[in-house]
Amino acid sequence: MVQETGLSRKALQEYDRLGIVSPTSKTEGGYWLYDDKAVDKLRLVSTFRLVGYSRAQIKELIDSADGDNIDILSANLGKALDALRKKKEQIDKTMQLLEFEREMLGSFADRIREQVEYQRSRRIDLKRSVTESHTKALGNLMFAGTDETARNEIMRAMEPTMLLQFFGAYVDEDEDPELVRRKTEELLDAWDGYILELPGLSDEKKKEISELEGKERLQCIRDFMFAVAEAQVSDGVENTKTVIDGNYGKGTFDKVKEIIDR
């Protein structure tokens, strides 16, 4: 019966004690036996428990069923179905989010490992861990939903977000010129690709940006990067610098700006 209904042995004993559903008979060896009617009742009990009905409510419903009060039982089964549908929707959404999280972590696993190893090697005392920053960034971007277009948008946005986390990690440390140069190039390339794939940007504007070179191209990318941060400024927040430093560590804004200008 435990396998058949999904109810635990302890639950079956409790329902017997409360008079909700009792075994039809017991063998000399101590086994509890249930006939078809009792099995049907236990399935109902399992369903109602799953959607949050109390034991007292279930007993009342089972008693109603015994008295052939079909209307009461039918109405509550309808409520149970509605509750289960809502639970299924929540589960489906949670599964979507977890699949997306797994996809994200897989895509950026190497970058995360590289950041963690660097931070450990330099004994950097992080204000926020890489994992916490990644989760926060993903949470901030999840407003877009989880359809395919939104997923691609978030994936593109995550790369520059994670690179900013890297800059925030070593901003107060001694510079590693080669690493700084490489990470700056990665950051600018990531933003460059992100800009040129934005669905809201006209083909004309994309062509104009893609034809820029040298300082003009870098200036365009930098302005866009800080404009995105500016768009996140809420009431009571001073400016873009406050947003970036708040998310990635004090000094990150000045550091990134200084490196790009250089």
C-alpha atoms as a PDB file:
ATOM      1  CA  MET A   1       0.000   0.000   0.000  1.00  0.00           C
ATOM      2  CA  VAL A   2       2.919   2.300   0.682  1.00  0.00           C
ATOM      3  CA  GLN A   3       4.140   1.692  -2.884  1.00  0.00           C
ATOM      4  CA  GLU A   4       0.626   1.915  -4.335  1.00  0.00           C
ATOM      5  CA  THR A   5      -0.442   5.211  -2.695  1.00  0.00           C
ATOM      6  CA  GLY A   6       2.814   6.997  -1.933  1.00  0.00           C
ATOM      7  CA  LEU A   7       1.751   7.315   1.703  1.00  0.00           C
ATOM      8  CA  SER A   8       4.205   6.285   4.411  1.00  0.00           C
ATOM      9  CA  ARG A   9       3.603   3.408   6.790  1.00  0.00           C
ATOM     10  CA  LYS A  10       3.442   5.919   9.648  1.00  0.00           C
ATOM     11  CA  ALA A  11       0.755   7.901   7.754  1.00  0.00           C
ATOM     12  CA  LEU A  12      -1.348   4.739   7.243  1.00  0.00           C
ATOM     13  CA  GLN A  13      -1.151   4.048  10.973  1.00  0.00           C
ATOM     14  CA  GLU A  14      -2.148   7.654  11.742  1.00  0.00           C
ATOM     15  CA  TYR A  15      -5.170   7.516   9.390  1.00  0.00           C
ATOM     16  CA  ASP A  16      -6.262   4.304  11.069  1.00  0.00           C
ATOM     17  CA  ARG A  17      -5.948   5.910  14.518  1.00  0.00           C
ATOM     18  CA  LEU A  18      -7.960   8.983  13.432  1.00  0.00           C
ATOM     19  CA  GLY A  19     -10.627   6.864  11.743  1.00  0.00           C
ATOM     20  CA  ILE A  20      -9.980   8.349   8.297  1.00  0.00           C
ATOM     21  CA  VAL A  21      -9.199   5.037   6.559  1.00  0.00           C
ATOM     22  CA  SER A  22      -8.673   1.771   8.398  1.00  0.00           C
ATOM     23  CA  PRO A  23      -7.493  -1.572   7.045  1.00  0.00           C
ATOM     24  CA  THR A  24     -10.317  -3.898   6.040  1.00  0.00           C
ATOM     25  CA  SER A  25      -8.741  -6.694   8.070  1.00  0.00           C
ATOM     26  CA  LYS A  26      -5.483  -7.789   9.675  1.00  0.00           C
ATOM     27  CA  THR A  27      -3.756 -11.163   9.338  1.00  0.00           C
ATOM     28  CA  GLU A  28      -2.464 -13.243  12.211  1.00  0.00           C
ATOM     29  CA  GLY A  29       1.017 -12.274  11.115  1.00  0.00           C
ATOM     30  CA  GLY A  30       0.191  -8.585  11.637  1.00  0.00           C
ATOM     31  CA  TYR A  31      -0.211  -7.534   7.980  1.00  0.00           C
ATOM     32  CA  TRP A  32      -2.864  -4.930   7.193  1.00  0.00           C
ATOM     33  CA  LEU A  33      -5.184  -5.734   4.294  1.00  0.00           C
ATOM     34  CA  TYR A  34      -7.197  -3.198   2.280  1.00  0.00           C
ATOM     35  CA  ASP A  35     -10.080  -3.888  -0.095  1.00  0.00           C
ATOM     36  CA  ASP A  36     -10.722  -1.895  -3.279  1.00  0.00           C
ATOM     37  CA  LYS A  37     -12.932   0.652  -1.514  1.00  0.00           C
ATOM     38  CA  ALA A  38     -10.247   1.341   1.099  1.00  0.00           C
ATOM     39  CA  VAL A  39      -7.609   1.646  -1.620  1.00  0.00           C
ATOM     40  CA  ASP A  40      -9.748   4.235  -3.439  1.00  0.00           C
ATOM     41  CA  LYS A  41     -10.118   6.190  -0.183  1.00  0.00           C
ATOM     42  CA  LEU A  42      -6.372   6.149   0.400  1.00  0.00           C
ATOM     43  CA  ARG A  43      -5.765   7.474  -3.104  1.00  0.00           C
ATOM     44  CA  LEU A  44      -8.157  10.340  -2.319  1.00  0.00           C
ATOM     45  CA  VAL A  45      -6.389  10.964   0.975  1.00  0.00           C
ATOM     46  CA  SER A  46      -3.013  11.046  -0.815  1.00  0.00           C
ATOM     47  CA  THR A  47      -4.350  13.561  -3.363  1.00  0.00           C
ATOM     48  CA  PHE A  48      -5.901  15.860  -0.771  1.00  0.00           C
ATOM     49  CA  ARG A  49      -2.799  15.753   1.439  1.00  0.00           C
ATOM     50  CA  LEU A  50      -0.651  16.655  -1.563  1.00  0.00           C
ATOM     51  CA  VAL A  51      -2.614  19.857  -2.158  1.00  0.00           C
ATOM     52  CA  GLY A  52      -2.621  20.903   1.492  1.00  0.00           C
ATOM     53  CA  TYR A  53      -5.877  19.670   3.021  1.00  0.00           C
ATOM     54  CA  SER A  54      -5.744  19.068   6.800  1.00  0.00           C
ATOM     55  CA  ARG A  55      -6.489  15.645   8.300  1.00  0.00           C
ATOM     56  CA  ALA A  56      -9.742  16.989   9.738  1.00  0.00           C
ATOM     57  CA  GLN A  57     -10.854  18.249   6.313  1.00  0.00           C
ATOM     58  CA  ILE A  58      -9.938  14.938   4.714  1.00  0.00           C
ATOM     59  CA  LYS A  59     -11.893  12.967   7.330  1.00  0.00           C
ATOM     60  CA  GLU A  60     -14.965  15.103   6.631  1.00  0.00           C
ATOM     61  CA  LEU A  61     -14.623  14.515   2.882  1.00  0.00           C
ATOM     62  CA  ILE A  62     -14.114  10.773   3.286  1.00  0.00           C
ATOM     63  CA  ASP A  63     -17.143  10.588   5.559  1.00  0.00           C
ATOM     64  CA  SER A  64     -19.126  12.496   2.916  1.00  0.00           C
ATOM     65  CA  ALA A  65     -18.049   9.983   0.294  1.00  0.00           C
ATOM     66  CA  ASP A  66     -19.219   7.156   2.541  1.00  0.00           C
ATOM     67  CA  GLY A  67     -22.627   8.834   2.631  1.00  0.00           C
ATOM     68  CA  ASP A  68     -22.649   9.109  -1.173  1.00  0.00           C
ATOM     69  CA  ASN A  69     -22.529  12.915  -0.975  1.00  0.00           C
ATOM     70  CA  ILE A  70     -21.076  13.130  -4.474  1.00  0.00           C
ATOM     71  CA  ASP A  71     -21.483  16.905  -4.857  1.00  0.00           C
ATOM     72  CA  ILE A  72     -19.176  17.706  -1.927  1.00  0.00           C
ATOM     73  CA  LEU A  73     -16.585  15.198  -3.029  1.00  0.00           C
ATOM     74  CA  SER A  74     -16.737  16.313  -6.666  1.00  0.00           C
ATOM     75  CA  ALA A  75     -16.370  19.995  -5.772  1.00  0.00           C
ATOM     76  CA  ASN A  76     -13.320  19.295  -3.607  1.00  0.00           C
ATOM     77  CA  LEU A  77     -11.749  17.095  -6.247  1.00  0.00           C
ATOM     78  CA  GLY A  78     -12.118  20.059  -8.627  1.00  0.00           C
ATOM     79  CA  LYS A  79     -10.343  22.292  -6.104  1.00  0.00           C
ATOM     80  CA  ALA A  80      -7.636  19.663  -5.689  1.00  0.00           C
ATOM     81  CA  LEU A  81      -7.122  19.517  -9.469  1.00  0.00           C
ATOM     82  CA  ASP A  82      -6.819  23.320  -9.660  1.00  0.00           C
ATOM     83  CA  ALA A  83      -4.279  23.272  -6.831  1.00  0.00           C
ATOM     84  CA  LEU A  84      -2.293  20.510  -8.544  1.00  0.00           C
ATOM     85  CA  ARG A  85      -2.293  22.438 -11.837  1.00  0.00           C
ATOM     86  CA  LYS A  86      -0.840  25.469 -10.015  1.00  0.00           C
ATOM     87  CA  LYS A  87       1.772  23.278  -8.364  1.00  0.00           C
ATOM     88  CA  LYS A  88       2.659  21.815 -11.760  1.00  0.00           C
ATOM     89  CA  GLU A  89       3.067  25.320 -13.234  1.00  0.00           C
ATOM     90  CA  GLN A  90       5.370  26.252 -10.352  1.00  0.00           C
ATOM     91  CA  ILE A  91       7.363  23.052 -10.788  1.00  0.00           C
ATOM     92  CA  ASP A  92       7.639  23.615 -14.561  1.00  0.00           C
ATOM     93  CA  LYS A  93       8.913  27.175 -13.988  1.00  0.00           C
ATOM     94  CA  THR A  94      11.383  25.984 -11.366  1.00  0.00           C
ATOM     95  CA  MET A  95      12.644  23.264 -13.713  1.00  0.00           C
ATOM     96  CA  GLN A  96      13.065  25.844 -16.489  1.00  0.00           C
ATOM     97  CA  LEU A  97      15.073  28.073 -14.178  1.00  0.00           C
ATOM     98  CA  LEU A  98      17.263  25.205 -12.938  1.00  0.00           C
ATOM     99  CA  GLU A  99      17.922  24.062 -16.525  1.00  0.00           C
ATOM    100  CA  PHE A 100      18.888  27.627 -17.387  1.00  0.00           C
ATOM    101  CA  GLU A 101      21.150  27.852 -14.319  1.00  0.00           C
ATOM    102  CA  ARG A 102      22.867  24.600 -15.353  1.00  0.00           C
ATOM    103  CA  GLU A 103      23.267  25.890 -18.908  1.00  0.00           C
ATOM    104  CA  MET A 104      24.715  29.166 -17.608  1.00  0.00           C
ATOM    105  CA  LEU A 105      27.168  27.472 -15.250  1.00  0.00           C
ATOM    106  CA  GLY A 106      28.260  25.110 -18.025  1.00  0.00           C
ATOM    107  CA  SER A 107      28.850  27.973 -20.448  1.00  0.00           C
ATOM    108  CA  PHE A 108      30.880  30.019 -17.987  1.00  0.00           C
ATOM    109  CA  ALA A 109      32.500  27.230 -15.950  1.00  0.00           C
ATOM    110  CA  ASP A 110      36.013  27.923 -17.260  1.00  0.00           C
ATOM    111  CA  ARG A 111      35.709  31.655 -16.645  1.00  0.00           C
ATOM    112  CA  ILE A 112      34.424  31.091 -13.095  1.00  0.00           C
ATOM    113  CA  ARG A 113      37.266  28.652 -12.325  1.00  0.00           C
ATOM    114  CA  GLU A 114      39.824  31.101 -13.697  1.00  0.00           C
ATOM    115  CA  GLN A 115      38.489  33.898 -11.500  1.00  0.00           C
ATOM    116  CA  VAL A 116      38.391  31.722  -8.387  1.00  0.00           C
ATOM    117  CA  GLU A 117      41.936  30.445  -8.948  1.00  0.00           C
ATOM    118  CA  TYR A 118      43.231  33.982  -9.488  1.00  0.00           C
ATOM    119  CA  GLN A 119      41.519  35.278  -6.372  1.00  0.00           C
ATOM    120  CA  ARG A 120      42.915  32.414  -4.298  1.00  0.00           C
ATOM    121  CA  SER A 121      46.430  32.812  -5.682  1.00  0.00           C
ATOM    122  CA  ARG A 122      46.391  36.515  -4.799  1.00  0.00           C
ATOM    123  CA  ARG A 123      44.632  35.859  -1.464  1.00  0.00           C
ATOM    124  CA  ILE A 124      42.025  38.447  -2.406  1.00  0.00           C
ATOM    125  CA  ASP A 125      39.435  39.074   0.287  1.00  0.00           C
ATOM    126  CA  LEU A 126      36.268  39.304  -1.817  1.00  0.00           C
ATOM    127  CA  LYS A 127      33.383  41.497  -0.823  1.00  0.00           C
ATOM    128  CA  ARG A 128      31.173  39.057  -2.708  1.00  0.00           C
ATOM    129  CA  SER A 129      31.959  35.526  -3.871  1.00  0.00           C
ATOM    130  CA  VAL A 130      31.919  34.630  -7.566  1.00  0.00           C
ATOM    131  CA  THR A 131      28.937  32.334  -6.997  1.00  0.00           C
ATOM    132  CA  GLU A 132      27.005  35.009  -5.106  1.00  0.00           C
ATOM    133  CA  SER A 133      27.771  37.585  -7.792  1.00  0.00           C
ATOM    134  CA  HIS A 134      26.729  35.178 -10.553  1.00  0.00           C
ATOM    135  CA  THR A 135      23.438  34.402  -8.777  1.00  0.00           C
ATOM    136  CA  LYS A 136      22.757  38.083  -8.141  1.00  0.00           C
ATOM    137  CA  ALA A 137      23.475  38.979 -11.759  1.00  0.00           C
ATOM    138  CA  LEU A 138      21.258  36.183 -13.029  1.00  0.00           C
ATOM    139  CA  GLY A 139      18.502  37.262 -10.652  1.00  0.00           C
ATOM    140  CA  ASN A 140      18.733  40.834 -11.929  1.00  0.00           C
ATOM    141  CA  LEU A 141      18.410  39.625 -15.513  1.00  0.00           C
ATOM    142  CA  MET A 142      15.611  37.100 -14.980  1.00  0.00           C
ATOM    143  CA  PHE A 143      12.964  39.819 -15.400  1.00  0.00           C
ATOM    144  CA  ALA A 144      13.265  39.105 -19.120  1.00  0.00           C
ATOM    145  CA  GLY A 145      11.712  35.660 -18.719  1.00  0.00           C
ATOM    146  CA  THR A 146      12.971  32.307 -19.931  1.00  0.00           C
ATOM    147  CA  ASP A 147      11.813  32.078 -23.550  1.00  0.00           C
ATOM    148  CA  GLU A 148      14.515  31.398 -26.127  1.00  0.00           C
ATOM    149  CA  THR A 149      15.039  35.050 -27.101  1.00  0.00           C
ATOM    150  CA  ALA A 150      15.326  36.117 -23.473  1.00  0.00           C
ATOM    151  CA  ARG A 151      17.689  33.238 -22.673  1.00  0.00           C
ATOM    152  CA  ASN A 152      20.021  34.284 -25.501  1.00  0.00           C
ATOM    153  CA  GLU A 153      19.838  37.888 -24.309  1.00  0.00           C
ATOM    154  CA  ILE A 154      20.748  36.904 -20.751  1.00  0.00           C
ATOM    155  CA  MET A 155      23.575  34.642 -21.921  1.00  0.00           C
ATOM    156  CA  ARG A 156      25.096  37.515 -23.903  1.00  0.00           C
ATOM    157  CA  ALA A 157      24.743  39.892 -20.964  1.00  0.00           C
ATOM    158  CA  MET A 158      26.312  37.481 -18.470  1.00  0.00           C
ATOM    159  CA  GLU A 159      29.795  37.505 -20.010  1.00  0.00           C
ATOM    160  CA  PRO A 160      30.481  41.237 -19.462  1.00  0.00           C
ATOM    161  CA  THR A 161      28.773  40.950 -16.070  1.00  0.00           C
ATOM    162  CA  MET A 162      31.178  38.219 -14.997  1.00  0.00           C
ATOM    163  CA  LEU A 163      34.175  40.121 -16.321  1.00  0.00           C
ATOM    164  CA  LEU A 164      33.150  43.130 -14.257  1.00  0.00           C
ATOM    165  CA  GLN A 165      33.089  40.796 -11.255  1.00  0.00           C
ATOM    166  CA  PHE A 166      36.709  39.955 -12.084  1.00  0.00           C
ATOM    167  CA  PHE A 167      37.710  43.626 -12.190  1.00  0.00           C
ATOM    168  CA  GLY A 168      35.964  44.189  -8.870  1.00  0.00           C
ATOM    169  CA  ALA A 169      37.951  41.326  -7.345  1.00  0.00           C
ATOM    170  CA  TYR A 170      41.435  42.757  -7.910  1.00  0.00           C
ATOM    171  CA  VAL A 171      40.716  46.486  -7.994  1.00  0.00           C
ATOM    172  CA  ASP A 172      42.548  47.154  -4.717  1.00  0.00           C
ATOM    173  CA  GLU A 173      45.419  44.764  -5.453  1.00  0.00           C
ATOM    174  CA  ASP A 174      48.744  45.270  -7.226  1.00  0.00           C
ATOM    175  CA  GLU A 175      48.215  45.264 -10.966  1.00  0.00           C
ATOM    176  CA  ASP A 176      49.188  42.351 -13.168  1.00  0.00           C
ATOM    177  CA  PRO A 177      49.662  44.320 -16.444  1.00  0.00           C
ATOM    178  CA  GLU A 178      49.337  41.315 -18.771  1.00  0.00           C
ATOM    179  CA  LEU A 179      46.203  40.060 -17.012  1.00  0.00           C
ATOM    180  CA  VAL A 180      44.702  43.559 -16.941  1.00  0.00           C
ATOM    181  CA  ARG A 181      45.274  43.983 -20.674  1.00  0.00           C
ATOM    182  CA  ARG A 182      43.825  40.559 -21.506  1.00  0.00           C
ATOM    183  CA  LYS A 183      40.776  40.987 -19.275  1.00  0.00           C
ATOM    184  CA  THR A 184      40.122  44.476 -20.633  1.00  0.00           C
ATOM    185  CA  GLU A 185      40.201  43.131 -24.177  1.00  0.00           C
ATOM    186  CA  GLU A 186      37.820  40.331 -23.170  1.00  0.00           C
ATOM    187  CA  LEU A 187      35.488  42.840 -21.519  1.00  0.00           C
ATOM    188  CA  LEU A 188      35.427  45.146 -24.529  1.00  0.00           C
ATOM    189  CA  ASP A 189      34.966  42.235 -26.956  1.00  0.00           C
ATOM    190  CA  ALA A 190      32.107  40.912 -24.835  1.00  0.00           C
ATOM    191  CA  TRP A 191      30.370  44.284 -24.785  1.00  0.00           C
ATOM    192  CA  ASP A 192      31.067  44.811 -28.486  1.00  0.00           C
ATOM    193  CA  GLY A 193      29.372  41.509 -29.342  1.00  0.00           C
ATOM    194  CA  TYR A 194      26.517  42.245 -26.957  1.00  0.00           C
ATOM    195  CA  ILE A 195      25.821  45.638 -28.543  1.00  0.00           C
ATOM    196  CA  LEU A 196      25.881  44.331 -32.103  1.00  0.00           C
ATOM    197  CA  GLU A 197      23.425  41.523 -31.287  1.00  0.00           C
ATOM    198  CA  LEU A 198      20.873  43.669 -29.477  1.00  0.00           C
ATOM    199  CA  PRO A 199      17.476  43.000 -31.102  1.00  0.00           C
ATOM    200  CA  GLY A 200      16.326  46.581 -30.489  1.00  0.00           C
ATOM    201  CA  LEU A 201      19.252  48.151 -32.312  1.00  0.00           C
ATOM    202  CA  SER A 202      18.546  49.113 -35.918  1.00  0.00           C
ATOM    203  CA  ASP A 203      20.611  47.565 -38.715  1.00  0.00           C
ATOM    204  CA  GLU A 204      21.749  51.057 -39.653  1.00  0.00           C
ATOM    205  CA  LYS A 205      23.057  51.711 -36.124  1.00  0.00           C
ATOM    206  CA  LYS A 206      24.741  48.297 -35.959  1.00  0.00           C
ATOM    207  CA  LYS A 207      26.486  49.000 -39.278  1.00  0.00           C
ATOM    208  CA  GLU A 208      27.597  52.415 -38.019  1.00  0.00           C
ATOM    209  CA  ILE A 209      29.082  50.885 -34.829  1.00  0.00           C
ATOM    210  CA  SER A 210      30.738  47.960 -36.629  1.00  0.00           C
ATOM    211  CA  GLU A 211      32.520  50.377 -39.003  1.00  0.00           C
ATOM    212  CA  LEU A 212      34.076  52.355 -36.145  1.00  0.00           C
ATOM    213  CA  GLU A 213      37.740  51.663 -35.440  1.00  0.00           C
ATOM    214  CA  GLY A 214      40.385  52.424 -32.832  1.00  0.00           C
ATOM    215  CA  LYS A 215      39.590  55.004 -30.181  1.00  0.00           C
ATOM    216  CA  GLU A 216      36.147  55.753 -31.634  1.00  0.00           C
ATOM    217  CA  ARG A 217      35.125  52.089 -31.363  1.00  0.00           C
ATOM    218  CA  LEU A 218      36.401  51.835 -27.776  1.00  0.00           C
ATOM    219  CA  GLN A 219      34.698  55.100 -26.833  1.00  0.00           C
ATOM    220  CA  CYS A 220      31.390  53.845 -28.270  1.00  0.00           C
ATOM    221  CA  ILE A 221      31.621  50.571 -26.336  1.00  0.00           C
ATOM    222  CA  ARG A 222      32.564  52.326 -23.095  1.00  0.00           C
ATOM    223  CA  ASP A 223      29.757  54.861 -23.401  1.00  0.00           C
ATOM    224  CA  PHE A 224      27.270  52.075 -24.075  1.00  0.00           C
ATOM    225  CA  MET A 225      28.536  49.985 -21.151  1.00  0.00           C
ATOM    226  CA  PHE A 226      28.122  52.862 -18.714  1.00  0.00           C
ATOM    227  CA  ALA A 227      24.788  53.815 -20.282  1.00  0.00           C
ATOM    228  CA  VAL A 228      23.466  50.338 -19.461  1.00  0.00           C
ATOM    229  CA  ALA A 229      24.590  50.787 -15.859  1.00  0.00           C
ATOM    230  CA  GLU A 230      23.010  54.262 -15.845  1.00  0.00           C
ATOM    231  CA  ALA A 231      19.699  52.681 -16.871  1.00  0.00           C
ATOM    232  CA  GLN A 232      19.819  50.626 -13.657  1.00  0.00           C
ATOM    233  CA  VAL A 233      20.116  53.713 -11.457  1.00  0.00           C
ATOM    234  CA  SER A 234      17.068  53.850  -9.204  1.00  0.00           C
ATOM    235  CA  ASP A 235      15.667  56.621  -7.011  1.00  0.00           C
ATOM    236  CA  GLY A 236      18.044  57.504  -4.229  1.00  0.00           C
ATOM    237  CA  VAL A 237      21.098  56.177  -6.082  1.00  0.00           C
ATOM    238  CA  GLU A 238      23.645  58.847  -6.872  1.00  0.00           C
ATOM    239  CA  ASN A 239      24.979  57.780 -10.276  1.00  0.00           C
ATOM    240  CA  THR A 240      26.350  55.015 -12.502  1.00  0.00           C
ATOM    241  CA  LYS A 241      29.520  54.778 -10.444  1.00  0.00           C
ATOM    242  CA  THR A 242      27.438  54.011  -7.352  1.00  0.00           C
ATOM    243  CA  VAL A 243      25.639  51.197  -9.195  1.00  0.00           C
ATOM    244  CA  ILE A 244      28.798  49.523 -10.530  1.00  0.00           C
ATOM    245  CA  ASP A 245      30.763  49.921  -7.303  1.00  0.00           C
ATOM    246  CA  GLY A 246      27.782  48.659  -5.324  1.00  0.00           C
ATOM    247  CA  ASN A 247      27.468  45.533  -7.459  1.00  0.00           C
ATOM    248  CA  TYR A 248      31.135  44.692  -8.016  1.00  0.00           C
ATOM    249  CA  GLY A 249      33.114  46.385  -5.241  1.00  0.00           C
ATOM    250  CA  LYS A 250      34.280  49.902  -4.429  1.00  0.00           C
ATOM    251  CA  GLY A 251      36.619  51.325  -7.060  1.00  0.00           C
ATOM    252  CA  THR A 252      35.507  49.074  -9.934  1.00  0.00           C
ATOM    253  CA  PHE A 253      34.025  51.936 -11.973  1.00  0.00           C
ATOM    254  CA  ASP A 254      37.154  54.111 -11.785  1.00  0.00           C
ATOM    255  CA  LYS A 255      39.396  51.125 -12.487  1.00  0.00           C
ATOM    256  CA  VAL A 256      37.514  50.014 -15.608  1.00  0.00           C
ATOM    257  CA  LYS A 257      37.241  53.578 -16.885  1.00  0.00           C
ATOM    258  CA  GLU A 258      40.960  54.209 -16.286  1.00  0.00           C
ATOM    259  CA  ILE A 259      41.997  50.974 -18.056  1.00  0.00           C
ATOM    260  CA  ILE A 260      39.788  51.611 -21.084  1.00  0.00           C
ATOM    261  CA  ASP A 261      40.979  55.220 -21.355  1.00  0.00           C
ATOM    262  CA  ARG A 262      44.551  54.015 -21.179  1.00  0.00           C
END
